[in-house]
Amino acid sequence: MAAITQWEAPDDCSTGFAKRFVNFTVLEVAKTFGSLASTKRLRHFSYWPPTMNASADAHQQTGFSMVRTASTMLPLGTTAPSFQLPECEGSTVSLSDFTDSKALLVIFMCNHCPFVKHVAEELTRLSNDYMAKGVSVVAINSNDAEKYPDDSPEAMRKEKAMRGYPFAYLFDEDQTVAAAYHAACTPDFYLFDGDHKLVYRGQLDSSRPDSGIPVTGKDLRAAIDTVLAGETVPEAQTPSIGCNIKWKPGNEPSYFNPQGSA
């Protein structure tokens, strides 16, 4: 049976969430995404991060709320919306910087999201593999850094260094770029061909936190390989799923669903 529970996130919560009360729905006592992965009815659920799993019983009032959100699936063929954003290490990066690329991969992501953490190593591997083949990769963090300081530019610099990300990691402070791309979740992937036309927007692969499925980047790698081969990427694509972008009050786009969409 469903139940409504209220909790308070501590100041030292590993996710960097500010202390606040949140209501969330649970269908059963769950400590990982895995036990909820097949529960389609549940969109707004509780999750204890890996650092808290070992002593979750002691944190029954100190979890945090996560919303499973899927990609909006921007129409294929869409021209890449323009952007000019600060890179976390100090430079400015624009869409026009990638005019000579064989393909362009734009990733909306952040630091604190468990879905991003789950695939972070593969993001580094995939980017190294394909940047060497003429594919440009750029990541954009559009989260509200005031409420989520783990996603601040300073934290982005540290995360980039720790993960060894080879791509530019940009900060979309006013969130207009995320809205222009109809970005909804982290991670959210957009692959454009050499003419900056959208050819793929979907999942990295079928792995999810605690799913037991290895992270391989299978789906996205196949799409990139297809573009590099000069062939057409199949239109049947599976949406990416992750945490919702943390919109600033008043910035929520029309497609935003606070209850989740996955």
C-alpha atoms as a PDB file:
ATOM      1  CA  MET A   1       0.000   0.000   0.000  1.00  0.00           C
ATOM      2  CA  ALA A   2       1.180   3.523  -0.700  1.00  0.00           C
ATOM      3  CA  ALA A   3       2.128   5.753   2.193  1.00  0.00           C
ATOM      4  CA  ILE A   4       3.081   9.380   2.548  1.00  0.00           C
ATOM      5  CA  THR A   5       6.232  10.032   4.529  1.00  0.00           C
ATOM      6  CA  GLN A   6       7.957  13.263   5.461  1.00  0.00           C
ATOM      7  CA  TRP A   7      11.670  13.622   6.103  1.00  0.00           C
ATOM      8  CA  GLU A   8      14.308  16.262   6.629  1.00  0.00           C
ATOM      9  CA  ALA A   9      17.552  16.154   4.626  1.00  0.00           C
ATOM     10  CA  PRO A  10      20.586  16.870   6.822  1.00  0.00           C
ATOM     11  CA  ASP A  11      23.062  19.637   6.065  1.00  0.00           C
ATOM     12  CA  ASP A  12      25.781  17.058   5.440  1.00  0.00           C
ATOM     13  CA  CYS A  13      23.692  14.971   3.046  1.00  0.00           C
ATOM     14  CA  SER A  14      26.068  13.494   0.478  1.00  0.00           C
ATOM     15  CA  THR A  15      23.935  14.817  -2.349  1.00  0.00           C
ATOM     16  CA  GLY A  16      24.383  18.415  -1.295  1.00  0.00           C
ATOM     17  CA  PHE A  17      20.679  18.987  -0.859  1.00  0.00           C
ATOM     18  CA  ALA A  18      19.844  21.899   1.419  1.00  0.00           C
ATOM     19  CA  LYS A  19      17.961  21.093   4.609  1.00  0.00           C
ATOM     20  CA  ARG A  20      14.276  21.041   3.775  1.00  0.00           C
ATOM     21  CA  PHE A  21      11.120  18.953   4.169  1.00  0.00           C
ATOM     22  CA  VAL A  22       9.825  16.942   1.235  1.00  0.00           C
ATOM     23  CA  ASN A  23       6.788  14.699   0.839  1.00  0.00           C
ATOM     24  CA  PHE A  24       7.243  11.530  -1.158  1.00  0.00           C
ATOM     25  CA  THR A  25       5.249   8.418  -1.973  1.00  0.00           C
ATOM     26  CA  VAL A  26       6.516   4.892  -1.355  1.00  0.00           C
ATOM     27  CA  LEU A  27       4.852   1.635  -2.400  1.00  0.00           C
ATOM     28  CA  GLU A  28       7.171  -0.415  -0.256  1.00  0.00           C
ATOM     29  CA  VAL A  29      10.205   0.009   1.964  1.00  0.00           C
ATOM     30  CA  ALA A  30      12.972   0.542  -0.598  1.00  0.00           C
ATOM     31  CA  LYS A  31      16.604   1.491  -0.257  1.00  0.00           C
ATOM     32  CA  THR A  32      17.748   1.384  -3.885  1.00  0.00           C
ATOM     33  CA  PHE A  33      16.488   2.238  -7.324  1.00  0.00           C
ATOM     34  CA  GLY A  34      16.716  -1.441  -8.236  1.00  0.00           C
ATOM     35  CA  SER A  35      13.734  -2.490  -6.147  1.00  0.00           C
ATOM     36  CA  LEU A  36      11.667   0.210  -7.799  1.00  0.00           C
ATOM     37  CA  ALA A  37      12.941  -0.045 -11.362  1.00  0.00           C
ATOM     38  CA  SER A  38      10.041  -2.182 -12.550  1.00  0.00           C
ATOM     39  CA  THR A  39       7.374  -0.259 -10.642  1.00  0.00           C
ATOM     40  CA  LYS A  40       5.826   1.857 -13.380  1.00  0.00           C
ATOM     41  CA  ARG A  41       3.191   3.276 -11.026  1.00  0.00           C
ATOM     42  CA  LEU A  42       5.819   4.945  -8.849  1.00  0.00           C
ATOM     43  CA  ARG A  43       7.327   8.146 -10.171  1.00  0.00           C
ATOM     44  CA  HIS A  44       8.150  10.099  -7.015  1.00  0.00           C
ATOM     45  CA  PHE A  45      10.133   7.835  -4.756  1.00  0.00           C
ATOM     46  CA  SER A  46      12.666   7.631  -1.971  1.00  0.00           C
ATOM     47  CA  TYR A  47      16.310   6.697  -2.454  1.00  0.00           C
ATOM     48  CA  TRP A  48      19.266   6.376  -0.121  1.00  0.00           C
ATOM     49  CA  PRO A  49      22.610   7.106  -1.822  1.00  0.00           C
ATOM     50  CA  PRO A  50      25.261   4.346  -1.756  1.00  0.00           C
ATOM     51  CA  THR A  51      27.172   6.076   1.065  1.00  0.00           C
ATOM     52  CA  MET A  52      24.100   5.715   3.270  1.00  0.00           C
ATOM     53  CA  ASN A  53      22.931   2.215   2.267  1.00  0.00           C
ATOM     54  CA  ALA A  54      24.995   0.434   4.926  1.00  0.00           C
ATOM     55  CA  SER A  55      23.226   2.287   7.689  1.00  0.00           C
ATOM     56  CA  ALA A  56      19.944   3.152   6.035  1.00  0.00           C
ATOM     57  CA  ASP A  57      17.973   2.112   9.090  1.00  0.00           C
ATOM     58  CA  ALA A  58      19.602   4.968  10.943  1.00  0.00           C
ATOM     59  CA  HIS A  59      18.556   7.366   8.222  1.00  0.00           C
ATOM     60  CA  GLN A  60      14.857   6.676   7.983  1.00  0.00           C
ATOM     61  CA  GLN A  61      14.262  10.384   8.382  1.00  0.00           C
ATOM     62  CA  THR A  62      17.286  11.561   6.364  1.00  0.00           C
ATOM     63  CA  GLY A  63      16.810  10.287   2.838  1.00  0.00           C
ATOM     64  CA  PHE A  64      15.966  12.529  -0.090  1.00  0.00           C
ATOM     65  CA  SER A  65      13.406  12.687  -2.851  1.00  0.00           C
ATOM     66  CA  MET A  66      14.224  11.765  -6.432  1.00  0.00           C
ATOM     67  CA  VAL A  67      11.961  11.945  -9.452  1.00  0.00           C
ATOM     68  CA  ARG A  68      12.489   9.609 -12.408  1.00  0.00           C
ATOM     69  CA  THR A  69      12.246  11.802 -15.475  1.00  0.00           C
ATOM     70  CA  ALA A  70      12.549  10.797 -19.131  1.00  0.00           C
ATOM     71  CA  SER A  71      13.836  12.693 -22.143  1.00  0.00           C
ATOM     72  CA  THR A  72      11.259  14.804 -23.975  1.00  0.00           C
ATOM     73  CA  MET A  73      12.444  13.260 -27.270  1.00  0.00           C
ATOM     74  CA  LEU A  74      12.984  16.460 -29.246  1.00  0.00           C
ATOM     75  CA  PRO A  75      11.965  15.853 -32.901  1.00  0.00           C
ATOM     76  CA  LEU A  76      14.691  14.305 -35.030  1.00  0.00           C
ATOM     77  CA  GLY A  77      16.042  16.728 -37.605  1.00  0.00           C
ATOM     78  CA  THR A  78      15.887  19.677 -35.199  1.00  0.00           C
ATOM     79  CA  THR A  79      18.761  22.110 -35.678  1.00  0.00           C
ATOM     80  CA  ALA A  80      20.974  22.425 -32.611  1.00  0.00           C
ATOM     81  CA  PRO A  81      19.907  25.512 -30.641  1.00  0.00           C
ATOM     82  CA  SER A  82      22.682  28.059 -30.335  1.00  0.00           C
ATOM     83  CA  PHE A  83      24.513  28.595 -27.057  1.00  0.00           C
ATOM     84  CA  GLN A  84      27.387  30.587 -25.617  1.00  0.00           C
ATOM     85  CA  LEU A  85      28.213  29.548 -22.078  1.00  0.00           C
ATOM     86  CA  PRO A  86      31.045  29.753 -19.568  1.00  0.00           C
ATOM     87  CA  GLU A  87      33.186  26.655 -19.171  1.00  0.00           C
ATOM     88  CA  CYS A  88      33.894  25.636 -15.587  1.00  0.00           C
ATOM     89  CA  GLU A  89      37.612  26.234 -16.078  1.00  0.00           C
ATOM     90  CA  GLY A  90      37.188  29.804 -17.277  1.00  0.00           C
ATOM     91  CA  SER A  91      36.753  29.950 -21.053  1.00  0.00           C
ATOM     92  CA  THR A  92      33.591  30.563 -23.070  1.00  0.00           C
ATOM     93  CA  VAL A  93      32.276  27.898 -25.437  1.00  0.00           C
ATOM     94  CA  SER A  94      29.787  28.412 -28.276  1.00  0.00           C
ATOM     95  CA  LEU A  95      27.951  26.149 -30.668  1.00  0.00           C
ATOM     96  CA  SER A  96      29.914  27.800 -33.472  1.00  0.00           C
ATOM     97  CA  ASP A  97      33.104  26.277 -32.043  1.00  0.00           C
ATOM     98  CA  PHE A  98      31.965  22.902 -33.386  1.00  0.00           C
ATOM     99  CA  THR A  99      31.256  23.722 -37.034  1.00  0.00           C
ATOM    100  CA  ASP A 100      34.006  21.419 -38.310  1.00  0.00           C
ATOM    101  CA  SER A 101      33.019  18.397 -36.232  1.00  0.00           C
ATOM    102  CA  LYS A 102      31.914  15.136 -37.824  1.00  0.00           C
ATOM    103  CA  ALA A 103      29.239  14.966 -35.141  1.00  0.00           C
ATOM    104  CA  LEU A 104      28.361  16.826 -31.950  1.00  0.00           C
ATOM    105  CA  LEU A 105      27.225  15.231 -28.716  1.00  0.00           C
ATOM    106  CA  VAL A 106      25.554  17.559 -26.211  1.00  0.00           C
ATOM    107  CA  ILE A 107      25.034  16.102 -22.740  1.00  0.00           C
ATOM    108  CA  PHE A 108      22.878  17.757 -20.087  1.00  0.00           C
ATOM    109  CA  MET A 109      24.229  16.497 -16.781  1.00  0.00           C
ATOM    110  CA  CYS A 110      25.314  17.558 -13.304  1.00  0.00           C
ATOM    111  CA  ASN A 111      27.502  16.380 -10.446  1.00  0.00           C
ATOM    112  CA  HIS A 112      25.163  15.119  -7.750  1.00  0.00           C
ATOM    113  CA  CYS A 113      22.610  13.023  -9.670  1.00  0.00           C
ATOM    114  CA  PRO A 114      22.882   9.250  -8.956  1.00  0.00           C
ATOM    115  CA  PHE A 115      22.047   8.503 -12.606  1.00  0.00           C
ATOM    116  CA  VAL A 116      24.994  10.613 -13.784  1.00  0.00           C
ATOM    117  CA  LYS A 117      27.335   9.161 -11.176  1.00  0.00           C
ATOM    118  CA  HIS A 118      26.323   5.711 -12.369  1.00  0.00           C
ATOM    119  CA  VAL A 119      27.557   6.382 -15.921  1.00  0.00           C
ATOM    120  CA  ALA A 120      30.365   8.880 -15.247  1.00  0.00           C
ATOM    121  CA  GLU A 121      33.210   6.494 -16.049  1.00  0.00           C
ATOM    122  CA  GLU A 122      31.586   5.546 -19.349  1.00  0.00           C
ATOM    123  CA  LEU A 123      31.095   9.206 -20.228  1.00  0.00           C
ATOM    124  CA  THR A 124      34.857   9.621 -19.936  1.00  0.00           C
ATOM    125  CA  ARG A 125      35.588   6.462 -21.943  1.00  0.00           C
ATOM    126  CA  LEU A 126      33.068   7.215 -24.665  1.00  0.00           C
ATOM    127  CA  SER A 127      34.232  10.801 -25.036  1.00  0.00           C
ATOM    128  CA  ASN A 128      37.890   9.819 -25.269  1.00  0.00           C
ATOM    129  CA  ASP A 129      37.060   7.150 -27.851  1.00  0.00           C
ATOM    130  CA  TYR A 130      35.025   9.379 -30.142  1.00  0.00           C
ATOM    131  CA  MET A 131      36.724  12.738 -29.715  1.00  0.00           C
ATOM    132  CA  ALA A 132      39.758  10.991 -31.213  1.00  0.00           C
ATOM    133  CA  LYS A 133      37.575  10.245 -34.267  1.00  0.00           C
ATOM    134  CA  GLY A 134      36.456  13.834 -34.859  1.00  0.00           C
ATOM    135  CA  VAL A 135      33.316  13.887 -32.723  1.00  0.00           C
ATOM    136  CA  SER A 136      32.907  16.918 -30.473  1.00  0.00           C
ATOM    137  CA  VAL A 137      31.461  16.446 -26.992  1.00  0.00           C
ATOM    138  CA  VAL A 138      30.183  19.163 -24.691  1.00  0.00           C
ATOM    139  CA  ALA A 139      28.376  18.838 -21.354  1.00  0.00           C
ATOM    140  CA  ILE A 140      25.991  21.412 -19.884  1.00  0.00           C
ATOM    141  CA  ASN A 141      24.919  21.727 -16.268  1.00  0.00           C
ATOM    142  CA  SER A 142      21.666  23.690 -15.949  1.00  0.00           C
ATOM    143  CA  ASN A 143      20.802  22.933 -12.319  1.00  0.00           C
ATOM    144  CA  ASP A 144      19.985  25.641  -9.798  1.00  0.00           C
ATOM    145  CA  ALA A 145      23.376  25.876  -8.090  1.00  0.00           C
ATOM    146  CA  GLU A 146      22.073  28.078  -5.294  1.00  0.00           C
ATOM    147  CA  LYS A 147      19.803  25.319  -4.014  1.00  0.00           C
ATOM    148  CA  TYR A 148      22.149  22.529  -5.121  1.00  0.00           C
ATOM    149  CA  PRO A 149      25.688  23.743  -4.340  1.00  0.00           C
ATOM    150  CA  ASP A 150      27.188  20.407  -5.371  1.00  0.00           C
ATOM    151  CA  ASP A 151      26.421  21.580  -8.919  1.00  0.00           C
ATOM    152  CA  SER A 152      28.132  24.975  -8.648  1.00  0.00           C
ATOM    153  CA  PRO A 153      30.851  25.969 -11.139  1.00  0.00           C
ATOM    154  CA  GLU A 154      33.512  25.410  -8.476  1.00  0.00           C
ATOM    155  CA  ALA A 155      32.164  21.927  -7.809  1.00  0.00           C
ATOM    156  CA  MET A 156      32.037  21.316 -11.572  1.00  0.00           C
ATOM    157  CA  ARG A 157      35.756  22.082 -11.854  1.00  0.00           C
ATOM    158  CA  LYS A 158      36.518  19.563  -9.125  1.00  0.00           C
ATOM    159  CA  GLU A 159      34.217  16.955 -10.668  1.00  0.00           C
ATOM    160  CA  LYS A 160      35.763  17.394 -14.111  1.00  0.00           C
ATOM    161  CA  ALA A 161      39.250  16.917 -12.711  1.00  0.00           C
ATOM    162  CA  MET A 162      38.260  13.929 -10.574  1.00  0.00           C
ATOM    163  CA  ARG A 163      36.425  12.148 -13.393  1.00  0.00           C
ATOM    164  CA  GLY A 164      38.969  13.032 -16.055  1.00  0.00           C
ATOM    165  CA  TYR A 165      36.265  14.428 -18.331  1.00  0.00           C
ATOM    166  CA  PRO A 166      37.968  15.418 -21.606  1.00  0.00           C
ATOM    167  CA  PHE A 167      35.057  17.577 -22.787  1.00  0.00           C
ATOM    168  CA  ALA A 168      34.082  21.160 -22.003  1.00  0.00           C
ATOM    169  CA  TYR A 169      31.729  21.321 -19.011  1.00  0.00           C
ATOM    170  CA  LEU A 170      29.499  24.386 -19.271  1.00  0.00           C
ATOM    171  CA  PHE A 171      27.267  26.165 -16.769  1.00  0.00           C
ATOM    172  CA  ASP A 172      23.823  27.274 -17.964  1.00  0.00           C
ATOM    173  CA  GLU A 173      23.090  29.613 -15.072  1.00  0.00           C
ATOM    174  CA  ASP A 174      19.863  31.124 -16.402  1.00  0.00           C
ATOM    175  CA  GLN A 175      18.685  27.723 -17.728  1.00  0.00           C
ATOM    176  CA  THR A 176      17.692  29.136 -21.113  1.00  0.00           C
ATOM    177  CA  VAL A 177      19.836  26.648 -23.027  1.00  0.00           C
ATOM    178  CA  ALA A 178      18.254  23.675 -21.260  1.00  0.00           C
ATOM    179  CA  ALA A 179      14.823  25.045 -22.134  1.00  0.00           C
ATOM    180  CA  ALA A 180      15.846  25.606 -25.761  1.00  0.00           C
ATOM    181  CA  TYR A 181      16.891  21.958 -26.053  1.00  0.00           C
ATOM    182  CA  HIS A 182      13.800  20.794 -24.115  1.00  0.00           C
ATOM    183  CA  ALA A 183      16.221  19.069 -21.773  1.00  0.00           C
ATOM    184  CA  ALA A 184      14.420  17.367 -18.910  1.00  0.00           C
ATOM    185  CA  CYS A 185      16.723  14.978 -17.094  1.00  0.00           C
ATOM    186  CA  THR A 186      20.290  14.272 -16.126  1.00  0.00           C
ATOM    187  CA  PRO A 187      21.778  12.746 -18.116  1.00  0.00           C
ATOM    188  CA  ASP A 188      20.034  13.811 -21.324  1.00  0.00           C
ATOM    189  CA  PHE A 189      21.851  13.090 -24.604  1.00  0.00           C
ATOM    190  CA  TYR A 190      21.561  14.932 -27.935  1.00  0.00           C
ATOM    191  CA  LEU A 191      23.589  13.714 -30.914  1.00  0.00           C
ATOM    192  CA  PHE A 192      23.815  15.985 -33.950  1.00  0.00           C
ATOM    193  CA  ASP A 193      25.362  15.191 -37.330  1.00  0.00           C
ATOM    194  CA  GLY A 194      27.966  17.330 -39.083  1.00  0.00           C
ATOM    195  CA  ASP A 195      25.254  19.769 -40.156  1.00  0.00           C
ATOM    196  CA  HIS A 196      24.053  20.082 -36.546  1.00  0.00           C
ATOM    197  CA  LYS A 197      20.799  18.243 -37.264  1.00  0.00           C
ATOM    198  CA  LEU A 198      19.491  16.042 -34.451  1.00  0.00           C
ATOM    199  CA  VAL A 199      19.878  12.345 -35.254  1.00  0.00           C
ATOM    200  CA  TYR A 200      19.684  10.750 -31.814  1.00  0.00           C
ATOM    201  CA  ARG A 201      18.176  11.637 -28.465  1.00  0.00           C
ATOM    202  CA  GLY A 202      17.952   8.674 -26.194  1.00  0.00           C
ATOM    203  CA  GLN A 203      19.592   6.580 -23.545  1.00  0.00           C
ATOM    204  CA  LEU A 204      23.276   5.829 -23.139  1.00  0.00           C
ATOM    205  CA  ASP A 205      22.330   2.203 -22.607  1.00  0.00           C
ATOM    206  CA  SER A 206      19.858   0.155 -20.569  1.00  0.00           C
ATOM    207  CA  SER A 207      21.819   0.280 -17.320  1.00  0.00           C
ATOM    208  CA  ARG A 208      20.361   2.123 -14.337  1.00  0.00           C
ATOM    209  CA  PRO A 209      21.598   2.475 -10.743  1.00  0.00           C
ATOM    210  CA  ASP A 210      21.429  -0.928  -9.043  1.00  0.00           C
ATOM    211  CA  SER A 211      19.938  -2.566 -12.150  1.00  0.00           C
ATOM    212  CA  GLY A 212      22.770  -5.069 -12.365  1.00  0.00           C
ATOM    213  CA  ILE A 213      23.188  -4.250 -16.053  1.00  0.00           C
ATOM    214  CA  PRO A 214      26.758  -3.261 -17.021  1.00  0.00           C
ATOM    215  CA  VAL A 215      27.320   0.293 -18.257  1.00  0.00           C
ATOM    216  CA  THR A 216      28.574  -0.036 -21.835  1.00  0.00           C
ATOM    217  CA  GLY A 217      27.198   2.992 -23.671  1.00  0.00           C
ATOM    218  CA  LYS A 218      25.801   0.533 -26.219  1.00  0.00           C
ATOM    219  CA  ASP A 219      22.916   2.621 -27.590  1.00  0.00           C
ATOM    220  CA  LEU A 220      24.746   5.911 -27.866  1.00  0.00           C
ATOM    221  CA  ARG A 221      27.901   4.310 -29.250  1.00  0.00           C
ATOM    222  CA  ALA A 222      25.849   2.590 -31.941  1.00  0.00           C
ATOM    223  CA  ALA A 223      24.274   5.907 -32.920  1.00  0.00           C
ATOM    224  CA  ILE A 224      27.645   7.657 -33.131  1.00  0.00           C
ATOM    225  CA  ASP A 225      29.126   4.805 -35.156  1.00  0.00           C
ATOM    226  CA  THR A 226      26.209   5.061 -37.564  1.00  0.00           C
ATOM    227  CA  VAL A 227      26.765   8.797 -38.057  1.00  0.00           C
ATOM    228  CA  LEU A 228      30.489   8.317 -38.647  1.00  0.00           C
ATOM    229  CA  ALA A 229      29.689   5.623 -41.213  1.00  0.00           C
ATOM    230  CA  GLY A 230      27.530   8.111 -43.125  1.00  0.00           C
ATOM    231  CA  GLU A 231      24.386   6.104 -42.500  1.00  0.00           C
ATOM    232  CA  THR A 232      20.986   7.021 -41.054  1.00  0.00           C
ATOM    233  CA  VAL A 233      20.412   6.446 -37.356  1.00  0.00           C
ATOM    234  CA  PRO A 234      17.243   4.373 -36.783  1.00  0.00           C
ATOM    235  CA  GLU A 235      14.331   6.445 -35.499  1.00  0.00           C
ATOM    236  CA  ALA A 236      13.372   3.865 -32.863  1.00  0.00           C
ATOM    237  CA  GLN A 237      15.148   5.251 -29.815  1.00  0.00           C
ATOM    238  CA  THR A 238      14.686   4.691 -26.072  1.00  0.00           C
ATOM    239  CA  PRO A 239      14.487   7.828 -23.910  1.00  0.00           C
ATOM    240  CA  SER A 240      17.166   8.523 -21.359  1.00  0.00           C
ATOM    241  CA  ILE A 241      15.991   8.479 -17.747  1.00  0.00           C
ATOM    242  CA  GLY A 242      17.440  10.390 -14.838  1.00  0.00           C
ATOM    243  CA  CYS A 243      16.796  13.014 -12.194  1.00  0.00           C
ATOM    244  CA  ASN A 244      14.827  16.034 -13.332  1.00  0.00           C
ATOM    245  CA  ILE A 245      16.720  19.232 -14.050  1.00  0.00           C
ATOM    246  CA  LYS A 246      16.534  21.418 -10.951  1.00  0.00           C
ATOM    247  CA  TRP A 247      14.711  24.471 -12.299  1.00  0.00           C
ATOM    248  CA  LYS A 248      14.813  27.802 -10.531  1.00  0.00           C
ATOM    249  CA  PRO A 249      11.401  29.013  -9.366  1.00  0.00           C
ATOM    250  CA  GLY A 250       9.676  30.653 -12.319  1.00  0.00           C
ATOM    251  CA  ASN A 251      11.963  29.002 -14.889  1.00  0.00           C
ATOM    252  CA  GLU A 252      10.037  25.748 -15.154  1.00  0.00           C
ATOM    253  CA  PRO A 253       9.279  25.075 -18.843  1.00  0.00           C
ATOM    254  CA  SER A 254       5.843  23.982 -20.024  1.00  0.00           C
ATOM    255  CA  TYR A 255       7.022  20.385 -20.446  1.00  0.00           C
ATOM    256  CA  PHE A 256       8.265  20.079 -16.850  1.00  0.00           C
ATOM    257  CA  ASN A 257       6.386  17.538 -14.751  1.00  0.00           C
ATOM    258  CA  PRO A 258       7.337  17.697 -11.049  1.00  0.00           C
ATOM    259  CA  GLN A 259       5.872  14.210 -10.540  1.00  0.00           C
ATOM    260  CA  GLY A 260       8.230  12.700 -13.098  1.00  0.00           C
ATOM    261  CA  SER A 261       7.653  11.249 -16.532  1.00  0.00           C
ATOM    262  CA  ALA A 262       9.221   7.793 -16.401  1.00  0.00           C
END
